[in-house]
Amino acid sequence: MFLDAFTILHVILSLLGIASGFIVIYELIASKPLGSWNTLFLVTTLATSVTAFLFRFHGFTPAIGLGIISTLILAIALLALYRFGL
């Protein structure tokens, strides 16, 4: 039961990240300033990556390696944007 609810949460976070990503792409193409959609995109995609590590897995796979890289890049992007104002 818990795994089902957790999987649904993970999928909802993924879909929010994808949907907000399309809006962020539109804003970038239209040369609009980064706003709250960018924050939503970064937070939901980071949360998707983090929650993926909480599923059961057996051994290291390329997907886990990509998840580690993705998590690090998203965390750096959030820090750069909101901590250092870059």
Protein backbone atom coordinates (compact mmCIF):
# COMPACT_ATOMS: atom_id res chain seq x y z
CA MET A 1 0.00 0.00 0.00
CA PHE A 2 2.78 2.44 0.95
CA LEU A 3 4.71 1.68 -2.22
CA ASP A 4 1.64 2.42 -4.34
CA ALA A 5 1.11 5.82 -2.70
CA PHE A 6 4.83 6.60 -2.94
CA THR A 7 4.86 5.69 -6.63
CA ILE A 8 1.88 7.99 -7.25
CA LEU A 9 3.69 10.84 -5.45
CA HIS A 10 6.80 10.21 -7.56
CA VAL A 11 4.77 10.26 -10.78
CA ILE A 12 2.92 13.45 -9.80
CA LEU A 13 6.24 15.16 -9.07
CA SER A 14 7.54 13.99 -12.45
CA LEU A 15 4.49 15.28 -14.32
CA LEU A 16 4.66 18.64 -12.53
CA GLY A 17 8.32 18.89 -13.47
CA ILE A 18 7.61 18.11 -17.11
CA ALA A 19 4.66 20.52 -17.35
CA SER A 20 6.51 23.37 -15.64
CA GLY A 21 9.53 22.63 -17.83
CA PHE A 22 7.49 23.34 -20.95
CA ILE A 23 6.43 26.68 -19.48
CA VAL A 24 10.03 27.52 -18.54
CA ILE A 25 11.16 26.71 -22.09
CA TYR A 26 8.46 29.04 -23.46
CA GLU A 27 9.58 31.81 -21.08
CA LEU A 28 13.21 31.35 -22.14
CA ILE A 29 12.32 31.47 -25.84
CA ALA A 30 10.18 34.58 -25.27
CA SER A 31 13.07 36.23 -23.35
CA LYS A 32 10.94 36.61 -20.23
CA PRO A 33 12.61 36.77 -16.82
CA LEU A 34 12.81 33.57 -14.80
CA GLY A 35 9.93 33.44 -12.38
CA SER A 36 8.15 31.05 -10.08
CA TRP A 37 7.72 28.50 -12.89
CA ASN A 38 11.48 28.06 -12.91
CA THR A 39 11.47 27.44 -9.17
CA LEU A 40 8.67 24.89 -9.53
CA PHE A 41 10.58 23.16 -12.32
CA LEU A 42 13.84 22.91 -10.38
CA VAL A 43 12.20 21.82 -7.12
CA THR A 44 9.93 19.18 -8.66
CA THR A 45 12.64 17.69 -10.86
CA LEU A 46 15.02 17.58 -7.90
CA ALA A 47 12.30 15.96 -5.77
CA THR A 48 11.67 13.43 -8.54
CA SER A 49 15.35 12.51 -8.60
CA VAL A 50 15.56 12.23 -4.83
CA THR A 51 12.40 10.13 -4.48
CA ALA A 52 13.65 7.77 -7.18
CA PHE A 53 16.50 6.75 -4.87
CA LEU A 54 13.98 5.60 -2.25
CA PHE A 55 12.67 2.78 -4.45
CA ARG A 56 14.20 -0.69 -4.04
CA PHE A 57 17.09 -1.46 -6.34
CA HIS A 58 19.66 -4.21 -6.72
CA GLY A 59 23.11 -3.00 -7.66
CA PHE A 60 24.38 0.02 -9.53
CA THR A 61 22.87 0.67 -12.96
CA PRO A 62 23.34 3.43 -15.56
CA ALA A 63 19.98 4.87 -14.47
CA ILE A 64 21.26 5.28 -10.92
CA GLY A 65 24.41 6.96 -12.23
CA LEU A 66 22.34 9.36 -14.32
CA GLY A 67 20.13 10.04 -11.29
CA ILE A 68 23.15 10.96 -9.20
CA ILE A 69 24.43 13.34 -11.87
CA SER A 70 20.96 14.85 -12.36
CA THR A 71 20.50 15.38 -8.62
CA LEU A 72 23.86 17.12 -8.30
CA ILE A 73 23.23 19.40 -11.28
CA LEU A 74 19.73 20.36 -10.09
CA ALA A 75 20.99 21.07 -6.57
CA ILE A 76 23.80 23.25 -7.95
CA ALA A 77 21.30 25.09 -10.17
CA LEU A 78 19.03 25.83 -7.20
CA LEU A 79 21.98 27.04 -5.13
CA ALA A 80 23.31 29.19 -7.96
CA LEU A 81 19.93 30.75 -8.62
CA TYR A 82 18.69 31.40 -5.11
CA ARG A 83 21.73 31.41 -2.82
CA PHE A 84 24.22 33.23 -5.02
CA GLY A 85 21.81 35.08 -7.31
CA LEU A 86 23.48 34.01 -10.53
